[in-house]
C-alpha atoms as a PDB file:
ATOM      1  CA  MET A   1       2.410 -19.803  -8.917  1.00  0.00           C
ATOM      2  CA  ASN A   2       1.085 -18.955  -5.426  1.00  0.00           C
ATOM      3  CA  MET A   3       2.380 -20.587  -2.257  1.00  0.00           C
ATOM      4  CA  GLU A   4      -0.913 -21.320  -0.516  1.00  0.00           C
ATOM      5  CA  THR A   5       0.455 -23.796   2.003  1.00  0.00           C
ATOM      6  CA  ASP A   6       2.319 -22.691   5.084  1.00  0.00           C
ATOM      7  CA  ILE A   7       6.090 -22.424   5.059  1.00  0.00           C
ATOM      8  CA  THR A   8       8.042 -24.848   7.219  1.00  0.00           C
ATOM      9  CA  LEU A   9      10.305 -23.550   9.953  1.00  0.00           C
ATOM     10  CA  GLU A  10      13.125 -25.453   8.247  1.00  0.00           C
ATOM     11  CA  THR A  11      12.753 -23.282   5.131  1.00  0.00           C
ATOM     12  CA  VAL A  12      12.831 -20.116   7.240  1.00  0.00           C
ATOM     13  CA  ASN A  13      15.948 -21.305   9.046  1.00  0.00           C
ATOM     14  CA  GLN A  14      17.662 -22.214   5.758  1.00  0.00           C
ATOM     15  CA  ILE A  15      17.088 -18.696   4.409  1.00  0.00           C
ATOM     16  CA  ILE A  16      18.372 -17.098   7.601  1.00  0.00           C
ATOM     17  CA  LYS A  17      21.441 -19.338   7.717  1.00  0.00           C
ATOM     18  CA  SER A  18      22.281 -18.701   4.043  1.00  0.00           C
ATOM     19  CA  ASN A  19      22.243 -14.939   4.643  1.00  0.00           C
ATOM     20  CA  PHE A  20      23.786 -14.745   8.126  1.00  0.00           C
ATOM     21  CA  GLY A  21      25.922 -17.889   8.328  1.00  0.00           C
ATOM     22  CA  ARG A  22      24.102 -19.049  11.427  1.00  0.00           C
ATOM     23  CA  CYS A  23      20.639 -20.006  12.663  1.00  0.00           C
ATOM     24  CA  ALA A  24      18.311 -17.566  14.329  1.00  0.00           C
ATOM     25  CA  GLU A  25      18.177 -17.406  18.097  1.00  0.00           C
ATOM     26  CA  GLU A  26      14.437 -16.750  18.009  1.00  0.00           C
ATOM     27  CA  ILE A  27      11.760 -16.857  15.310  1.00  0.00           C
ATOM     28  CA  ARG A  28       8.167 -15.632  15.541  1.00  0.00           C
ATOM     29  CA  LYS A  29       5.526 -15.794  12.823  1.00  0.00           C
ATOM     30  CA  PHE A  30       3.125 -12.896  12.327  1.00  0.00           C
ATOM     31  CA  GLU A  31      -0.441 -14.180  12.205  1.00  0.00           C
ATOM     32  CA  ASN A  32      -3.316 -12.825  10.098  1.00  0.00           C
ATOM     33  CA  VAL A  33      -1.076 -11.493   7.319  1.00  0.00           C
ATOM     34  CA  THR A  34      -2.926 -12.072   4.050  1.00  0.00           C
ATOM     35  CA  ASN A  35      -0.451 -11.078   1.347  1.00  0.00           C
ATOM     36  CA  ASN A  36       2.815 -12.722   2.439  1.00  0.00           C
ATOM     37  CA  PHE A  37       4.369 -14.945   5.091  1.00  0.00           C
ATOM     38  CA  VAL A  38       6.097 -12.695   7.626  1.00  0.00           C
ATOM     39  CA  TYR A  39       8.443 -13.591  10.492  1.00  0.00           C
ATOM     40  CA  SER A  40      10.508 -11.686  13.007  1.00  0.00           C
ATOM     41  CA  PHE A  41      13.792 -13.234  14.100  1.00  0.00           C
ATOM     42  CA  THR A  42      16.908 -12.477  16.106  1.00  0.00           C
ATOM     43  CA  VAL A  43      20.534 -13.066  15.127  1.00  0.00           C
ATOM     44  CA  SER A  44      23.401 -11.877  17.345  1.00  0.00           C
ATOM     45  CA  ASP A  45      20.907  -9.923  19.454  1.00  0.00           C
ATOM     46  CA  LYS A  46      19.764  -7.912  16.446  1.00  0.00           C
ATOM     47  CA  HIS A  47      16.144  -8.008  15.305  1.00  0.00           C
ATOM     48  CA  TYR A  48      15.044  -8.576  11.712  1.00  0.00           C
ATOM     49  CA  ILE A  49      11.961  -9.117   9.584  1.00  0.00           C
ATOM     50  CA  LEU A  50      11.745 -11.887   6.966  1.00  0.00           C
ATOM     51  CA  LYS A  51       8.991 -11.528   4.386  1.00  0.00           C
ATOM     52  CA  LEU A  52       8.352 -14.485   2.067  1.00  0.00           C
ATOM     53  CA  PHE A  53       6.364 -13.542  -1.032  1.00  0.00           C
ATOM     54  CA  ARG A  54       3.313 -15.682  -1.756  1.00  0.00           C
ATOM     55  CA  SER A  55       3.368 -14.793  -5.457  1.00  0.00           C
ATOM     56  CA  THR A  56       6.081 -15.018  -8.098  1.00  0.00           C
ATOM     57  CA  ASP A  57       5.020 -11.739  -9.741  1.00  0.00           C
ATOM     58  CA  TRP A  58       4.075  -9.502  -6.817  1.00  0.00           C
ATOM     59  CA  PRO A  59       5.639  -7.286  -5.728  1.00  0.00           C
ATOM     60  CA  GLU A  60       7.139  -6.725  -9.157  1.00  0.00           C
ATOM     61  CA  ASP A  61      10.693  -7.979  -9.513  1.00  0.00           C
ATOM     62  CA  GLY A  62      13.191  -5.272  -8.618  1.00  0.00           C
ATOM     63  CA  LYS A  63      10.696  -2.852  -7.055  1.00  0.00           C
ATOM     64  CA  VAL A  64      11.623  -3.378  -3.411  1.00  0.00           C
ATOM     65  CA  PRO A  65      15.368  -2.561  -3.744  1.00  0.00           C
ATOM     66  CA  PHE A  66      14.595   0.248  -6.215  1.00  0.00           C
ATOM     67  CA  VAL A  67      12.153   1.949  -3.835  1.00  0.00           C
ATOM     68  CA  ASN A  68      14.496   1.411  -0.888  1.00  0.00           C
ATOM     69  CA  GLN A  69      17.309   3.177  -2.730  1.00  0.00           C
ATOM     70  CA  LEU A  70      15.006   6.042  -3.727  1.00  0.00           C
ATOM     71  CA  LEU A  71      13.997   6.574  -0.111  1.00  0.00           C
ATOM     72  CA  ILE A  72      17.605   6.551   1.080  1.00  0.00           C
ATOM     73  CA  GLN A  73      18.734   8.940  -1.671  1.00  0.00           C
ATOM     74  CA  ASN A  74      15.954  11.366  -0.758  1.00  0.00           C
ATOM     75  CA  HIS A  75      16.569  11.119   2.997  1.00  0.00           C
ATOM     76  CA  ILE A  76      13.215   9.502   3.696  1.00  0.00           C
ATOM     77  CA  PRO A  77      13.344   7.331   6.858  1.00  0.00           C
ATOM     78  CA  CYS A  78      12.847   3.646   6.059  1.00  0.00           C
ATOM     79  CA  ALA A  79      13.738   0.166   7.221  1.00  0.00           C
ATOM     80  CA  GLU A  80      17.256  -1.025   6.334  1.00  0.00           C
ATOM     81  CA  LEU A  81      17.071  -3.631   3.559  1.00  0.00           C
ATOM     82  CA  ILE A  82      19.499  -6.462   4.352  1.00  0.00           C
ATOM     83  CA  ALA A  83      18.725  -9.021   1.624  1.00  0.00           C
ATOM     84  CA  TYR A  84      16.397  -9.418  -1.339  1.00  0.00           C
ATOM     85  CA  SER A  85      16.081 -12.366  -3.734  1.00  0.00           C
ATOM     86  CA  ARG A  86      13.683 -13.696  -6.356  1.00  0.00           C
ATOM     87  CA  THR A  87      16.024 -16.502  -7.443  1.00  0.00           C
ATOM     88  CA  ASP A  88      17.077 -18.326  -4.255  1.00  0.00           C
ATOM     89  CA  PRO A  89      16.261 -22.060  -4.770  1.00  0.00           C
ATOM     90  CA  ILE A  90      15.445 -22.334  -1.061  1.00  0.00           C
ATOM     91  CA  TYR A  91      12.309 -20.258  -1.762  1.00  0.00           C
ATOM     92  CA  PRO A  92      11.970 -19.356  -5.477  1.00  0.00           C
ATOM     93  CA  ASN A  93       8.971 -17.036  -5.023  1.00  0.00           C
ATOM     94  CA  GLY A  94      11.344 -14.590  -3.377  1.00  0.00           C
ATOM     95  CA  TYR A  95      11.884 -12.894  -0.054  1.00  0.00           C
ATOM     96  CA  LEU A  96      13.324  -9.867   1.666  1.00  0.00           C
ATOM     97  CA  ILE A  97      15.089  -9.394   4.979  1.00  0.00           C
ATOM     98  CA  GLU A  98      15.189  -6.011   6.680  1.00  0.00           C
ATOM     99  CA  ARG A  99      16.179  -4.673  10.071  1.00  0.00           C
ATOM    100  CA  GLU A 100      13.163  -4.507  12.335  1.00  0.00           C
ATOM    101  CA  VAL A 101      12.191  -0.896  12.869  1.00  0.00           C
ATOM    102  CA  GLN A 102      12.114   0.132  16.509  1.00  0.00           C
ATOM    103  CA  GLY A 103       8.731   1.488  17.490  1.00  0.00           C
ATOM    104  CA  ILE A 104       5.060   0.587  17.580  1.00  0.00           C
ATOM    105  CA  ALA A 105       2.629   0.416  14.665  1.00  0.00           C
ATOM    106  CA  ALA A 106       0.052   3.190  14.891  1.00  0.00           C
ATOM    107  CA  ASP A 107      -2.830   0.719  14.691  1.00  0.00           C
ATOM    108  CA  LYS A 108      -1.580  -0.850  17.942  1.00  0.00           C
ATOM    109  CA  GLN A 109      -1.595   2.483  19.776  1.00  0.00           C
ATOM    110  CA  VAL A 110      -4.454   4.018  21.729  1.00  0.00           C
ATOM    111  CA  PHE A 111      -4.758   7.712  20.828  1.00  0.00           C
ATOM    112  CA  ASP A 112      -6.822  10.500  22.229  1.00  0.00           C
ATOM    113  CA  ARG A 113      -8.242  12.970  19.703  1.00  0.00           C
ATOM    114  CA  GLU A 114      -5.339  15.429  19.874  1.00  0.00           C
ATOM    115  CA  GLN A 115      -2.710  12.687  19.588  1.00  0.00           C
ATOM    116  CA  GLU A 116      -4.381  11.284  16.490  1.00  0.00           C
ATOM    117  CA  ILE A 117      -4.575  14.744  14.935  1.00  0.00           C
ATOM    118  CA  ARG A 118      -0.822  15.137  15.498  1.00  0.00           C
ATOM    119  CA  LEU A 119      -0.262  11.739  13.865  1.00  0.00           C
ATOM    120  CA  TYR A 120      -1.929  12.929  10.655  1.00  0.00           C
ATOM    121  CA  VAL A 121      -0.030  16.210  10.725  1.00  0.00           C
ATOM    122  CA  LYS A 122       3.227  14.224  10.797  1.00  0.00           C
ATOM    123  CA  LEU A 123       1.989  11.825   8.144  1.00  0.00           C
ATOM    124  CA  ALA A 124       1.086  14.713   5.829  1.00  0.00           C
ATOM    125  CA  GLU A 125       4.576  16.169   6.192  1.00  0.00           C
ATOM    126  CA  LEU A 126       6.202  12.797   5.509  1.00  0.00           C
ATOM    127  CA  VAL A 127       4.012  11.997   2.485  1.00  0.00           C
ATOM    128  CA  THR A 128       4.701  15.472   1.083  1.00  0.00           C
ATOM    129  CA  SER A 129       8.412  14.604   1.041  1.00  0.00           C
ATOM    130  CA  ILE A 130       7.754  11.218  -0.552  1.00  0.00           C
ATOM    131  CA  HIS A 131       5.622  12.753  -3.299  1.00  0.00           C
ATOM    132  CA  ASN A 132       8.497  15.048  -4.248  1.00  0.00           C
ATOM    133  CA  ILE A 133      10.147  11.937  -5.735  1.00  0.00           C
ATOM    134  CA  LYS A 134       9.265  11.804  -9.430  1.00  0.00           C
ATOM    135  CA  ILE A 135       8.919   8.507 -11.334  1.00  0.00           C
ATOM    136  CA  LYS A 136       8.928   8.033 -15.101  1.00  0.00           C
ATOM    137  CA  ASN A 137       5.524   6.955 -16.484  1.00  0.00           C
ATOM    138  CA  TYR A 138       2.624   5.498 -14.487  1.00  0.00           C
ATOM    139  CA  GLY A 139       1.593   2.186 -12.968  1.00  0.00           C
ATOM    140  CA  TYR A 140       3.695  -0.671 -11.647  1.00  0.00           C
ATOM    141  CA  ILE A 141       7.270   0.383 -11.033  1.00  0.00           C
ATOM    142  CA  GLY A 142       9.344  -2.770 -11.443  1.00  0.00           C
ATOM    143  CA  SER A 143      13.004  -1.788 -11.455  1.00  0.00           C
ATOM    144  CA  GLY A 144      12.395   1.913 -11.942  1.00  0.00           C
ATOM    145  CA  ILE A 145      10.374   2.777 -15.037  1.00  0.00           C
ATOM    146  CA  ALA A 146       6.632   2.306 -14.987  1.00  0.00           C
ATOM    147  CA  CYS A 147       4.830   0.765 -17.955  1.00  0.00           C
ATOM    148  CA  TYR A 148       2.118   3.284 -18.903  1.00  0.00           C
ATOM    149  CA  GLU A 149       2.417   6.745 -20.401  1.00  0.00           C
ATOM    150  CA  SER A 150      -0.762   7.876 -18.641  1.00  0.00           C
ATOM    151  CA  MET A 151      -2.723   6.919 -15.538  1.00  0.00           C
ATOM    152  CA  THR A 152      -5.834   6.563 -17.664  1.00  0.00           C
ATOM    153  CA  ASP A 153      -4.168   3.852 -19.769  1.00  0.00           C
ATOM    154  CA  PHE A 154      -3.168   1.970 -16.625  1.00  0.00           C
ATOM    155  CA  PHE A 155      -6.654   2.060 -15.153  1.00  0.00           C
ATOM    156  CA  GLU A 156      -8.255   0.994 -18.427  1.00  0.00           C
ATOM    157  CA  ASP A 157      -6.458  -2.317 -17.909  1.00  0.00           C
ATOM    158  CA  GLU A 158      -7.250  -2.332 -14.183  1.00  0.00           C
ATOM    159  CA  PHE A 159     -10.958  -2.088 -14.901  1.00  0.00           C
ATOM    160  CA  ASP A 160     -10.688  -5.069 -17.224  1.00  0.00           C
ATOM    161  CA  ARG A 161      -9.212  -7.024 -14.309  1.00  0.00           C
ATOM    162  CA  LEU A 162     -11.947  -5.855 -11.939  1.00  0.00           C
ATOM    163  CA  ASP A 163     -14.659  -6.638 -14.485  1.00  0.00           C
ATOM    164  CA  ASN A 164     -13.418 -10.215 -14.825  1.00  0.00           C
ATOM    165  CA  GLY A 165     -13.454 -10.674 -11.058  1.00  0.00           C
ATOM    166  CA  LEU A 166     -16.776  -9.009 -10.284  1.00  0.00           C
ATOM    167  CA  LYS A 167     -19.013 -10.151 -13.153  1.00  0.00           C
ATOM    168  CA  GLU A 168     -21.195 -12.163 -10.794  1.00  0.00           C
ATOM    169  CA  ILE A 169     -21.525  -9.311  -8.291  1.00  0.00           C
ATOM    170  CA  ILE A 170     -22.099  -6.111 -10.305  1.00  0.00           C
ATOM    171  CA  SER A 171     -24.272  -5.797 -13.391  1.00  0.00           C
ATOM    172  CA  GLU A 172     -22.579  -5.017 -16.696  1.00  0.00           C
ATOM    173  CA  SER A 173     -24.454  -1.735 -17.143  1.00  0.00           C
ATOM    174  CA  ARG A 174     -23.671  -0.440 -13.637  1.00  0.00           C
ATOM    175  CA  PHE A 175     -20.031  -1.482 -13.875  1.00  0.00           C
ATOM    176  CA  SER A 176     -19.819   0.344 -17.210  1.00  0.00           C
ATOM    177  CA  LYS A 177     -21.155   3.537 -15.620  1.00  0.00           C
ATOM    178  CA  MET A 178     -18.631   3.282 -12.780  1.00  0.00           C
ATOM    179  CA  LYS A 179     -15.816   2.824 -15.262  1.00  0.00           C
ATOM    180  CA  GLU A 180     -16.985   5.747 -17.404  1.00  0.00           C
ATOM    181  CA  LYS A 181     -17.240   8.111 -14.414  1.00  0.00           C
ATOM    182  CA  PHE A 182     -13.846   7.059 -13.061  1.00  0.00           C
ATOM    183  CA  LEU A 183     -11.919   7.238 -16.340  1.00  0.00           C
ATOM    184  CA  GLY A 184     -13.533  10.538 -17.273  1.00  0.00           C
ATOM    185  CA  THR A 185     -12.170  12.060 -14.078  1.00  0.00           C
ATOM    186  CA  MET A 186      -8.730  10.521 -14.603  1.00  0.00           C
ATOM    187  CA  ARG A 187      -8.530  12.207 -18.010  1.00  0.00           C
ATOM    188  CA  ASP A 188      -9.264  15.572 -16.393  1.00  0.00           C
ATOM    189  CA  PHE A 189      -6.147  15.210 -14.227  1.00  0.00           C
ATOM    190  CA  GLU A 190      -3.645  13.901 -16.788  1.00  0.00           C
ATOM    191  CA  ASP A 191      -1.443  16.968 -16.268  1.00  0.00           C
ATOM    192  CA  LEU A 192      -0.417  15.854 -12.773  1.00  0.00           C
ATOM    193  CA  PRO A 193       3.079  14.333 -12.679  1.00  0.00           C
ATOM    194  CA  SER A 194       3.855  10.763 -11.721  1.00  0.00           C
ATOM    195  CA  VAL A 195       5.367  10.450  -8.239  1.00  0.00           C
ATOM    196  CA  LEU A 196       6.363   7.685  -5.862  1.00  0.00           C
ATOM    197  CA  CYS A 197       3.208   6.520  -4.088  1.00  0.00           C
ATOM    198  CA  HIS A 198       3.220   4.226  -1.057  1.00  0.00           C
ATOM    199  CA  GLY A 199      -0.004   2.585  -2.210  1.00  0.00           C
ATOM    200  CA  ASP A 200      -1.262   1.508   1.225  1.00  0.00           C
ATOM    201  CA  LEU A 201      -1.275   4.538   3.508  1.00  0.00           C
ATOM    202  CA  SER A 202      -2.969   3.408   6.724  1.00  0.00           C
ATOM    203  CA  LYS A 203      -2.194   3.212  10.427  1.00  0.00           C
ATOM    204  CA  LYS A 204      -0.925  -0.367  10.210  1.00  0.00           C
ATOM    205  CA  ASN A 205       1.965   0.849   8.042  1.00  0.00           C
ATOM    206  CA  ILE A 206       2.947   3.808  10.240  1.00  0.00           C
ATOM    207  CA  ILE A 207       5.593   3.141  12.886  1.00  0.00           C
ATOM    208  CA  MET A 208       5.667   5.482  15.888  1.00  0.00           C
ATOM    209  CA  GLN A 209       9.233   5.806  17.146  1.00  0.00           C
ATOM    210  CA  ASP A 210      10.404   6.628  20.658  1.00  0.00           C
ATOM    211  CA  HIS A 211      11.743  10.057  19.690  1.00  0.00           C
ATOM    212  CA  GLY A 212       8.346  11.077  18.294  1.00  0.00           C
ATOM    213  CA  GLU A 213       9.039  10.679  14.588  1.00  0.00           C
ATOM    214  CA  ILE A 214       7.185   8.326  12.263  1.00  0.00           C
ATOM    215  CA  LEU A 215       8.159   6.230   9.270  1.00  0.00           C
ATOM    216  CA  LEU A 216       6.284   4.109   6.753  1.00  0.00           C
ATOM    217  CA  ILE A 217       6.815   0.380   6.332  1.00  0.00           C
ATOM    218  CA  ASP A 218       5.575  -2.207   3.805  1.00  0.00           C
ATOM    219  CA  TRP A 219       6.248  -0.674   0.399  1.00  0.00           C
ATOM    220  CA  ASP A 220       5.035  -3.760  -1.503  1.00  0.00           C
ATOM    221  CA  ASP A 221       2.156  -1.777  -3.055  1.00  0.00           C
ATOM    222  CA  ALA A 222       4.302   1.169  -4.146  1.00  0.00           C
ATOM    223  CA  THR A 223       3.269   2.531  -7.532  1.00  0.00           C
ATOM    224  CA  ALA A 224       3.839   5.483  -9.826  1.00  0.00           C
ATOM    225  CA  PHE A 225       0.667   7.610  -9.819  1.00  0.00           C
ATOM    226  CA  ASN A 226      -0.161  11.244  -9.224  1.00  0.00           C
ATOM    227  CA  TRP A 227      -0.259  12.483  -5.635  1.00  0.00           C
ATOM    228  CA  MET A 228      -4.055  12.484  -5.499  1.00  0.00           C
ATOM    229  CA  ALA A 229      -4.262   8.724  -6.054  1.00  0.00           C
ATOM    230  CA  ASP A 230      -2.104   7.920  -3.020  1.00  0.00           C
ATOM    231  CA  ILE A 231      -4.051  10.233  -0.734  1.00  0.00           C
ATOM    232  CA  SER A 232      -7.400   9.045  -2.090  1.00  0.00           C
ATOM    233  CA  ARG A 233      -6.391   5.541  -1.016  1.00  0.00           C
ATOM    234  CA  LEU A 234      -5.720   6.931   2.464  1.00  0.00           C
ATOM    235  CA  THR A 235      -9.055   8.751   2.686  1.00  0.00           C
ATOM    236  CA  PHE A 236     -10.876   5.627   1.468  1.00  0.00           C
ATOM    237  CA  TRP A 237      -9.207   3.681   4.281  1.00  0.00           C
ATOM    238  CA  MET A 238     -10.381   6.400   6.683  1.00  0.00           C
ATOM    239  CA  LYS A 239     -13.974   5.979   5.467  1.00  0.00           C
ATOM    240  CA  LEU A 240     -13.812   2.269   6.260  1.00  0.00           C
ATOM    241  CA  ASN A 241     -12.215   2.658   9.685  1.00  0.00           C
ATOM    242  CA  TYR A 242     -13.576   5.830  11.305  1.00  0.00           C
ATOM    243  CA  ASN A 243     -17.014   7.184  12.049  1.00  0.00           C
ATOM    244  CA  GLU A 244     -18.098  10.024   9.770  1.00  0.00           C
ATOM    245  CA  GLN A 245     -17.090  12.817  12.168  1.00  0.00           C
ATOM    246  CA  ASP A 246     -13.585  11.474  12.789  1.00  0.00           C
ATOM    247  CA  CYS A 247     -13.086  10.664   9.115  1.00  0.00           C
ATOM    248  CA  VAL A 248     -13.799  14.274   8.159  1.00  0.00           C
ATOM    249  CA  LEU A 249     -11.574  15.603  10.956  1.00  0.00           C
ATOM    250  CA  PHE A 250      -8.537  13.449  10.164  1.00  0.00           C
ATOM    251  CA  ARG A 251      -8.958  13.784   6.389  1.00  0.00           C
ATOM    252  CA  ASN A 252      -9.083  17.571   6.625  1.00  0.00           C
ATOM    253  CA  THR A 253      -6.164  17.643   9.070  1.00  0.00           C
ATOM    254  CA  PHE A 254      -4.036  15.653   6.645  1.00  0.00           C
ATOM    255  CA  LEU A 255      -4.979  17.805   3.653  1.00  0.00           C
ATOM    256  CA  LYS A 256      -4.367  21.054   5.547  1.00  0.00           C
ATOM    257  CA  HIS A 257      -0.754  20.035   6.237  1.00  0.00           C
ATOM    258  CA  TYR A 258      -0.017  18.274   2.946  1.00  0.00           C
ATOM    259  CA  ARG A 259       1.878  20.543   0.522  1.00  0.00           C
ATOM    260  CA  THR A 260       1.702  20.468  -3.254  1.00  0.00           C
ATOM    261  CA  ALA A 261       1.684  22.932  -6.132  1.00  0.00           C
ATOM    262  CA  TYR A 262      -0.641  20.712  -8.199  1.00  0.00           C
ATOM    263  CA  ARG A 263      -4.380  21.485  -8.093  1.00  0.00           C
ATOM    264  CA  LYS A 264      -4.908  20.858  -4.392  1.00  0.00           C
ATOM    265  CA  SER A 265      -8.212  22.767  -4.355  1.00  0.00           C
ATOM    266  CA  GLU A 266      -9.629  20.246  -6.857  1.00  0.00           C
ATOM    267  CA  PHE A 267      -8.753  17.163  -4.830  1.00  0.00           C
ATOM    268  CA  ILE A 268     -12.317  16.385  -3.771  1.00  0.00           C
ATOM    269  CA  SER A 269     -13.398  15.879  -7.384  1.00  0.00           C
ATOM    270  CA  PHE A 270     -10.601  13.375  -8.009  1.00  0.00           C
ATOM    271  CA  GLU A 271     -11.082  11.716  -4.623  1.00  0.00           C
ATOM    272  CA  SER A 272     -14.768  10.938  -5.091  1.00  0.00           C
ATOM    273  CA  ALA A 273     -14.060   9.252  -8.430  1.00  0.00           C
ATOM    274  CA  PHE A 274     -11.003   7.371  -7.159  1.00  0.00           C
ATOM    275  CA  HIS A 275     -13.041   5.945  -4.294  1.00  0.00           C
ATOM    276  CA  ILE A 276     -15.045   4.066  -6.934  1.00  0.00           C
ATOM    277  CA  TYR A 277     -11.918   2.201  -7.991  1.00  0.00           C
ATOM    278  CA  SER A 278     -10.815   1.732  -4.365  1.00  0.00           C
ATOM    279  CA  ALA A 279     -14.187   0.219  -3.458  1.00  0.00           C
ATOM    280  CA  LEU A 280     -14.140  -2.173  -6.424  1.00  0.00           C
ATOM    281  CA  ASP A 281     -10.545  -3.213  -5.795  1.00  0.00           C
ATOM    282  CA  SER A 282     -11.217  -3.703  -2.068  1.00  0.00           C
ATOM    283  CA  LEU A 283     -14.390  -5.668  -2.810  1.00  0.00           C
ATOM    284  CA  LEU A 284     -12.447  -8.090  -4.989  1.00  0.00           C
ATOM    285  CA  PHE A 285      -9.837  -8.475  -2.248  1.00  0.00           C
ATOM    286  CA  PHE A 286     -12.345  -9.115   0.548  1.00  0.00           C
ATOM    287  CA  ILE A 287     -14.176 -11.651  -1.607  1.00  0.00           C
ATOM    288  CA  SER A 288     -10.864 -13.458  -2.166  1.00  0.00           C
ATOM    289  CA  ILE A 289     -10.217 -13.803   1.586  1.00  0.00           C
ATOM    290  CA  GLY A 290     -13.826 -14.642   2.442  1.00  0.00           C
ATOM    291  CA  ASP A 291     -14.626 -11.534   4.481  1.00  0.00           C
ATOM    292  CA  LYS A 292     -18.420 -11.506   4.072  1.00  0.00           C
ATOM    293  CA  GLU A 293     -18.974  -8.503   6.353  1.00  0.00           C
ATOM    294  CA  MET A 294     -16.713  -6.203   4.327  1.00  0.00           C
ATOM    295  CA  GLU A 295     -18.065  -7.656   1.084  1.00  0.00           C
ATOM    296  CA  LYS A 296     -21.613  -6.726   2.103  1.00  0.00           C
ATOM    297  CA  ARG A 297     -20.568  -3.246   3.224  1.00  0.00           C
ATOM    298  CA  LEU A 298     -18.704  -2.422   0.020  1.00  0.00           C
ATOM    299  CA  ILE A 299     -21.519  -3.718  -2.193  1.00  0.00           C
ATOM    300  CA  GLY A 300     -23.854  -1.420  -0.248  1.00  0.00           C
ATOM    301  CA  ASP A 301     -21.516   1.542  -0.760  1.00  0.00           C
ATOM    302  CA  LEU A 302     -21.241   0.857  -4.477  1.00  0.00           C
ATOM    303  CA  ASP A 303     -25.014   0.449  -4.827  1.00  0.00           C
ATOM    304  CA  GLY A 304     -25.451   3.881  -3.238  1.00  0.00           C
ATOM    305  CA  LEU A 305     -23.187   5.716  -5.675  1.00  0.00           C
ATOM    306  CA  ASP A 306     -24.657   8.552  -7.750  1.00  0.00           C
ATOM    307  CA  LEU A 307     -23.242   7.851 -11.226  1.00  0.00           C
ATOM    308  CA  GLN A 308     -25.034  10.628 -13.099  1.00  0.00           C
END
């Protein structure tokens, strides 16, 4: 079940009162958030975020508190999780409450070239630490153990999902070639271990703090993949949001400062294949929200792929 209608302020206040014993002093809704309903609120002069899940099965039940504990145990800076429920009758789809992180999202900042380079140096160092956290198996995490013994198995099912959603957009033969190229590359990298992946590395999820450090927010898309998958998602986002020169600069800056013992010199081969999946997945998303401009752009990118 998806909650497609807006949430009443009464519901938000009921959730806050049930967790804090009092009503909020101030509530503000975040606009243009596609995946969930998100509010900031203040209680006793402290600032919090309330996220109401639109879906009953995403993020997977148990993932949010599991990932939060992993980050704390491994000394990774993160927002403080105050409350999490998927059973509260006030809002059965589920919600989380966390302390609002002090700082400014990187996508709201204006950077000069050198400042943005330093941002990606810091991000590479942070993501290196995150990718040191190993997860059992691959795919969706749930409460701690992912469901697939290999990434290839997971993406076999993912391509079935994409095929069902894109039948009217991409021909069967071309989709088959994309799938074959992608899965063939995944098989070549089956030796890479499964690690904690953020799943949505982009400037909107990077908080710049006053003391100069950064942290990542919004772990709803966290998954258990190899390190290359997480960074390929980031470099795909860069392709969509920077001109070619800046994309190359920031991509290479990140990779120069990212540390791993696992086949780093071969990343470009994995990346080019993973961008096929990222483009298909993004296309399905932009179709679902009616973004015709991005739909047209991604179809053009996919049509231009060399699948030989």
